[in-house]
Amino acid sequence: MTSNPTATLDAGTLKRPVLLQTAIVTGGAGGIGQAISRRLAAEGYAVVVADLDKEAADRTAAALPDVGWAEHRGFAGNLADGDTNKELAAVAAETGPVGVVVNAVGISPKRNGDKIRFFELSDEEWNTVMAVNVAAPFFLVREVYGHMPTDGSASIVNLLSITAKTGTGGGPDAGFGPFLPSSVVYGASKAALQNLTASLAHELADLKIRVNGVAPGFVQTPMMGDVPQDARLLGQVPMKRFATPEEIADAVAFLTGNQSTYITGISLDVNGGFLTC
């Protein structure tokens, strides 16, 4: 179901009321970002796929379902830069009001699929992860909120992580959980983004712009491609598998849709029961 229907379109199989709005998905050419972009296009949004890789952004945008009233667009640039986000917001607003922003951009550096220990992290690695995972979402919200409707239809979703609550665990030989391949800087960045999500929800409430987070556990994406799905890892998950990117997109669609109009400032956990263990 789309956010705030005002017009009826017939775009292939799309035969339902939709609001003529754009959606921005940062990290939109990544594994989760592509699934979210497809889902929002299916909901009738004209999607701007923002990514560092121009060819991947354009290719992802070109493959999205046709909405019939506007073209999907790719956008490339350094999303950890304020001016880049100002340009991104303006590009999206050229097509229509920005009804949805999904900050799916994120990096989690590893070495051959293994955790980088805290004492191995360089200044550059720390600063880069914080810039991409925290500063980039903040810069985009700062630049785009003025292009968003204030009628209650606008929604921002930040991609968080289970590590924001659990931390990232011990070393490779630790005898205690959680067993996670992510480095401390990744967990710290996602905890900061979770706090930022709550704070922005409060600040934007008077404009009727909702801000929420989706916090995945393990998801089968290229970011996790080198991490073995061994018994120790999956033993933490009652459902005994990684999530699919489409399952994360489902959670995003819920938080941007009509069934969550009184929900703001939350972190929706999508982790197969990990945190209940």
Protein backbone atom coordinates (compact mmCIF):
# COMPACT_ATOMS: atom_id res chain seq x y z
CA MET A 1 0.00 0.00 0.00
CA THR A 2 1.36 3.43 -0.88
CA SER A 3 1.64 6.40 1.39
CA ASN A 4 -1.06 8.95 0.54
CA PRO A 5 -2.99 8.20 -2.66
CA THR A 6 -4.19 11.08 -4.83
CA ALA A 7 -4.11 9.77 -8.41
CA THR A 8 -4.68 6.53 -10.31
CA LEU A 9 -2.06 5.13 -12.67
CA ASP A 10 -1.84 2.02 -14.82
CA ALA A 11 1.83 1.09 -14.98
CA GLY A 12 1.95 -2.53 -16.07
CA THR A 13 0.64 -4.47 -13.11
CA LEU A 14 0.38 -1.32 -10.99
CA LYS A 15 -3.32 -0.46 -10.94
CA ARG A 16 -3.90 1.39 -7.70
CA PRO A 17 -3.94 4.92 -6.35
CA VAL A 18 -0.50 6.44 -5.82
CA LEU A 19 0.86 9.76 -4.77
CA LEU A 20 3.11 11.34 -7.38
CA GLN A 21 6.17 11.39 -5.20
CA THR A 22 9.83 10.54 -5.53
CA ALA A 23 11.88 8.28 -3.28
CA ILE A 24 15.62 8.46 -2.63
CA VAL A 25 17.50 5.27 -1.81
CA THR A 26 21.15 5.79 -0.88
CA GLY A 27 23.35 2.77 -1.34
CA GLY A 28 20.63 1.91 -3.84
CA ALA A 29 22.88 -0.23 -6.04
CA GLY A 30 23.85 -2.51 -3.15
CA GLY A 31 22.23 -5.81 -2.26
CA ILE A 32 19.65 -4.42 0.18
CA GLY A 33 19.41 -1.09 -1.64
CA GLN A 34 18.38 -2.74 -4.90
CA ALA A 35 15.60 -4.69 -3.19
CA ILE A 36 14.32 -1.53 -1.50
CA SER A 37 14.46 0.42 -4.77
CA ARG A 38 12.45 -2.30 -6.54
CA ARG A 39 9.86 -2.36 -3.77
CA LEU A 40 9.38 1.42 -3.76
CA ALA A 41 9.11 1.48 -7.56
CA ALA A 42 6.44 -1.21 -7.33
CA GLU A 43 4.62 1.06 -4.87
CA GLY A 44 4.55 3.81 -7.50
CA TYR A 45 7.43 6.06 -6.47
CA ALA A 46 9.86 7.51 -8.97
CA VAL A 47 13.10 6.28 -7.42
CA VAL A 48 16.44 8.07 -7.37
CA VAL A 49 19.08 5.38 -6.88
CA ALA A 50 22.07 7.07 -5.22
CA ASP A 51 25.39 5.29 -5.05
CA LEU A 52 29.12 5.94 -5.31
CA ASP A 53 29.25 3.79 -8.46
CA LYS A 54 27.61 5.68 -11.34
CA GLU A 55 27.31 2.68 -13.67
CA ALA A 56 25.73 0.56 -10.94
CA ALA A 57 23.31 3.34 -9.97
CA ASP A 58 22.21 3.91 -13.57
CA ARG A 59 21.91 0.18 -14.23
CA THR A 60 19.80 -0.36 -11.10
CA ALA A 61 17.51 2.58 -11.96
CA ALA A 62 17.05 1.35 -15.53
CA ALA A 63 15.96 -2.09 -14.31
CA LEU A 64 13.25 -0.84 -11.93
CA PRO A 65 9.54 -1.41 -12.67
CA ASP A 66 7.99 1.37 -14.74
CA VAL A 67 5.68 3.66 -12.74
CA GLY A 68 4.19 5.33 -15.79
CA TRP A 69 4.43 8.95 -14.69
CA ALA A 70 8.17 9.58 -14.32
CA GLU A 71 11.56 8.04 -14.99
CA HIS A 72 13.70 6.45 -12.32
CA ARG A 73 17.13 8.03 -12.10
CA GLY A 74 20.62 7.09 -11.03
CA PHE A 75 22.74 9.51 -9.05
CA ALA A 76 26.43 9.11 -8.30
CA GLY A 77 28.63 10.93 -5.84
CA ASN A 78 30.36 10.92 -2.47
CA LEU A 79 27.37 10.68 -0.15
CA ALA A 80 29.52 11.57 2.86
CA ASP A 81 29.77 15.10 1.46
CA GLY A 82 27.19 17.76 2.34
CA ASP A 83 27.19 19.47 -1.05
CA THR A 84 26.63 16.13 -2.80
CA ASN A 85 23.55 15.52 -0.67
CA LYS A 86 22.25 19.01 -1.42
CA GLU A 87 22.52 18.20 -5.12
CA LEU A 88 20.88 14.79 -4.59
CA ALA A 89 17.92 16.36 -2.81
CA ALA A 90 17.48 18.92 -5.59
CA VAL A 91 17.65 16.24 -8.31
CA ALA A 92 14.95 14.18 -6.60
CA ALA A 93 12.73 17.22 -6.07
CA GLU A 94 12.85 18.07 -9.79
CA THR A 95 10.51 15.14 -10.45
CA GLY A 96 8.14 15.59 -7.53
CA PRO A 97 7.90 15.96 -3.75
CA VAL A 98 10.28 13.63 -1.94
CA GLY A 99 7.91 11.31 -0.11
CA VAL A 100 10.43 8.69 1.01
CA VAL A 101 14.11 8.73 1.93
CA VAL A 102 15.87 5.44 2.70
CA ASN A 103 19.43 5.70 3.95
CA ALA A 104 20.69 2.25 3.03
CA VAL A 105 24.25 3.38 2.38
CA GLY A 106 26.73 1.66 4.66
CA ILE A 107 30.09 -0.07 4.77
CA SER A 108 31.47 -2.79 7.05
CA PRO A 109 35.14 -3.43 6.23
CA LYS A 110 36.48 -6.93 6.81
CA ARG A 111 39.65 -8.80 5.90
CA ASN A 112 38.91 -11.94 3.90
CA GLY A 113 35.55 -12.16 5.65
CA ASP A 114 37.08 -11.86 9.11
CA LYS A 115 36.64 -9.24 11.80
CA ILE A 116 39.17 -6.41 11.90
CA ARG A 117 40.19 -6.16 15.58
CA PHE A 118 39.95 -2.77 17.24
CA PHE A 119 43.72 -2.42 17.54
CA GLU A 120 44.13 -3.09 13.81
CA LEU A 121 41.78 -0.30 12.69
CA SER A 122 43.54 2.64 11.08
CA ASP A 123 42.50 6.26 11.51
CA GLU A 124 41.38 6.25 7.88
CA GLU A 125 39.18 3.15 8.32
CA TRP A 126 37.54 4.59 11.45
CA ASN A 127 36.87 7.98 9.84
CA THR A 128 35.59 6.48 6.59
CA VAL A 129 33.08 4.18 8.29
CA MET A 130 31.79 6.99 10.48
CA ALA A 131 31.50 9.32 7.49
CA VAL A 132 29.58 6.85 5.32
CA ASN A 133 27.40 5.26 8.02
CA VAL A 134 26.56 8.32 10.13
CA ALA A 135 27.47 11.59 8.41
CA ALA A 136 25.99 10.65 5.02
CA PRO A 137 22.48 9.90 6.36
CA PHE A 138 22.55 13.07 8.47
CA PHE A 139 23.65 15.26 5.57
CA LEU A 140 20.89 13.92 3.32
CA VAL A 141 18.14 14.45 5.89
CA ARG A 142 19.44 17.96 6.56
CA GLU A 143 19.30 18.82 2.86
CA VAL A 144 16.13 16.99 1.82
CA TYR A 145 13.59 17.64 4.57
CA GLY A 146 12.60 20.97 3.00
CA HIS A 147 11.56 19.08 -0.16
CA MET A 148 9.31 16.66 1.74
CA PRO A 149 5.52 16.99 2.17
CA THR A 150 4.24 18.05 5.59
CA ASP A 151 0.85 16.36 5.25
CA GLY A 152 1.88 13.20 7.09
CA SER A 153 2.79 11.21 3.98
CA ALA A 154 6.58 11.65 4.20
CA SER A 155 8.79 9.04 5.77
CA ILE A 156 12.52 8.56 6.37
CA VAL A 157 14.00 5.13 7.09
CA ASN A 158 17.60 4.54 8.17
CA LEU A 159 19.21 1.11 7.85
CA LEU A 160 20.54 0.27 11.31
CA SER A 161 22.00 -3.02 12.56
CA ILE A 162 21.69 -5.60 15.28
CA THR A 163 25.18 -4.49 16.34
CA ALA A 164 23.78 -1.16 17.60
CA LYS A 165 22.35 -3.12 20.55
CA THR A 166 24.66 -6.10 20.90
CA GLY A 167 28.06 -4.64 20.12
CA THR A 168 30.27 -6.62 17.79
CA GLY A 169 31.52 -9.34 20.11
CA GLY A 170 34.98 -10.51 20.98
CA GLY A 171 37.92 -11.82 19.01
CA PRO A 172 37.93 -14.88 16.76
CA ASP A 173 38.66 -17.23 19.69
CA ALA A 174 36.14 -15.74 22.12
CA GLY A 175 34.13 -18.28 24.06
CA PHE A 176 31.12 -16.00 24.39
CA GLY A 177 28.68 -14.34 22.03
CA PRO A 178 27.64 -12.49 20.09
CA PHE A 179 29.69 -13.98 17.29
CA LEU A 180 29.79 -11.25 14.66
CA PRO A 181 32.29 -10.49 11.88
CA SER A 182 31.85 -6.72 12.10
CA SER A 183 34.44 -4.39 13.60
CA VAL A 184 33.87 -2.10 16.56
CA VAL A 185 33.64 0.96 14.32
CA TYR A 186 30.70 -0.57 12.45
CA GLY A 187 28.80 -1.24 15.67
CA ALA A 188 29.62 2.23 17.00
CA SER A 189 28.45 3.86 13.76
CA LYS A 190 25.13 2.01 13.79
CA ALA A 191 24.54 2.85 17.44
CA ALA A 192 25.13 6.51 16.57
CA LEU A 193 22.72 6.23 13.64
CA GLN A 194 20.07 4.65 15.87
CA ASN A 195 20.35 7.59 18.28
CA LEU A 196 20.29 10.01 15.36
CA THR A 197 17.11 8.33 14.10
CA ALA A 198 15.34 8.91 17.42
CA SER A 199 16.55 12.51 17.64
CA LEU A 200 15.49 13.36 14.10
CA ALA A 201 12.08 11.78 14.72
CA HIS A 202 11.59 14.26 17.54
CA GLU A 203 12.84 17.25 15.57
CA LEU A 204 10.76 16.49 12.48
CA ALA A 205 7.56 15.54 14.29
CA ASP A 206 6.15 19.07 14.03
CA LEU A 207 6.51 18.79 10.23
CA LYS A 208 4.70 15.43 10.26
CA ILE A 209 7.75 13.70 8.77
CA ARG A 210 8.27 10.28 10.33
CA VAL A 211 11.77 8.90 10.94
CA ASN A 212 12.36 5.23 11.75
CA GLY A 213 15.03 2.58 11.48
CA VAL A 214 15.20 -1.01 10.28
CA ALA A 215 17.82 -3.08 12.08
CA PRO A 216 18.76 -6.27 10.22
CA GLY A 217 20.67 -9.17 11.62
CA PHE A 218 22.48 -11.33 9.06
CA VAL A 219 21.44 -10.63 5.47
CA GLN A 220 22.68 -12.51 2.41
CA THR A 221 24.34 -9.69 0.46
CA PRO A 222 27.74 -9.11 -1.15
CA MET A 223 28.79 -7.38 2.10
CA MET A 224 28.42 -10.76 3.83
CA GLY A 225 29.58 -12.76 0.82
CA ASP A 226 32.94 -13.79 2.31
CA VAL A 227 31.54 -14.60 5.75
CA PRO A 228 30.93 -18.35 6.16
CA GLN A 229 27.46 -19.35 7.35
CA ASP A 230 28.88 -21.77 9.90
CA ALA A 231 27.20 -23.39 12.88
CA ARG A 232 28.56 -20.88 15.38
CA LEU A 233 27.15 -17.97 13.39
CA LEU A 234 23.76 -19.48 12.57
CA GLY A 235 23.47 -21.06 16.02
CA GLN A 236 22.64 -17.58 17.32
CA VAL A 237 19.61 -17.29 15.02
CA PRO A 238 16.48 -19.28 15.96
CA MET A 239 15.33 -19.27 12.32
CA LYS A 240 18.72 -20.78 11.28
CA ARG A 241 19.27 -18.71 8.14
CA PHE A 242 20.26 -15.30 6.83
CA ALA A 243 17.53 -12.88 5.78
CA THR A 244 16.98 -12.07 2.12
CA PRO A 245 17.26 -8.45 0.96
CA GLU A 246 13.59 -8.61 0.02
CA GLU A 247 12.65 -9.30 3.65
CA ILE A 248 14.43 -6.11 4.67
CA ALA A 249 12.63 -4.24 1.87
CA ASP A 250 9.32 -5.53 3.27
CA ALA A 251 10.10 -3.92 6.62
CA VAL A 252 11.02 -0.64 4.93
CA ALA A 253 7.77 -0.73 2.93
CA PHE A 254 5.80 -1.15 6.14
CA LEU A 255 7.44 1.88 7.73
CA THR A 256 6.87 4.04 4.65
CA GLY A 257 3.26 2.95 4.11
CA ASN A 258 -0.21 3.72 5.39
CA GLN A 259 -0.15 1.07 8.11
CA SER A 260 2.54 2.83 10.17
CA THR A 261 1.30 6.43 10.23
CA TYR A 262 1.57 6.63 14.05
CA ILE A 263 5.03 5.07 14.25
CA THR A 264 8.12 7.25 14.50
CA GLY A 265 11.48 7.03 16.23
CA ILE A 266 11.63 3.23 16.42
CA SER A 267 14.13 0.57 15.44
CA LEU A 268 12.33 -2.35 13.79
CA ASP A 269 14.40 -5.50 14.35
CA VAL A 270 14.52 -7.95 11.45
CA ASN A 271 16.89 -10.63 12.70
CA GLY A 272 15.25 -14.05 12.73
CA GLY A 273 14.95 -13.98 16.53
CA PHE A 274 18.62 -13.24 17.22
CA LEU A 275 17.98 -10.85 20.10
CA THR A 276 15.54 -13.23 21.81
CA CYS A 277 18.24 -15.85 22.45
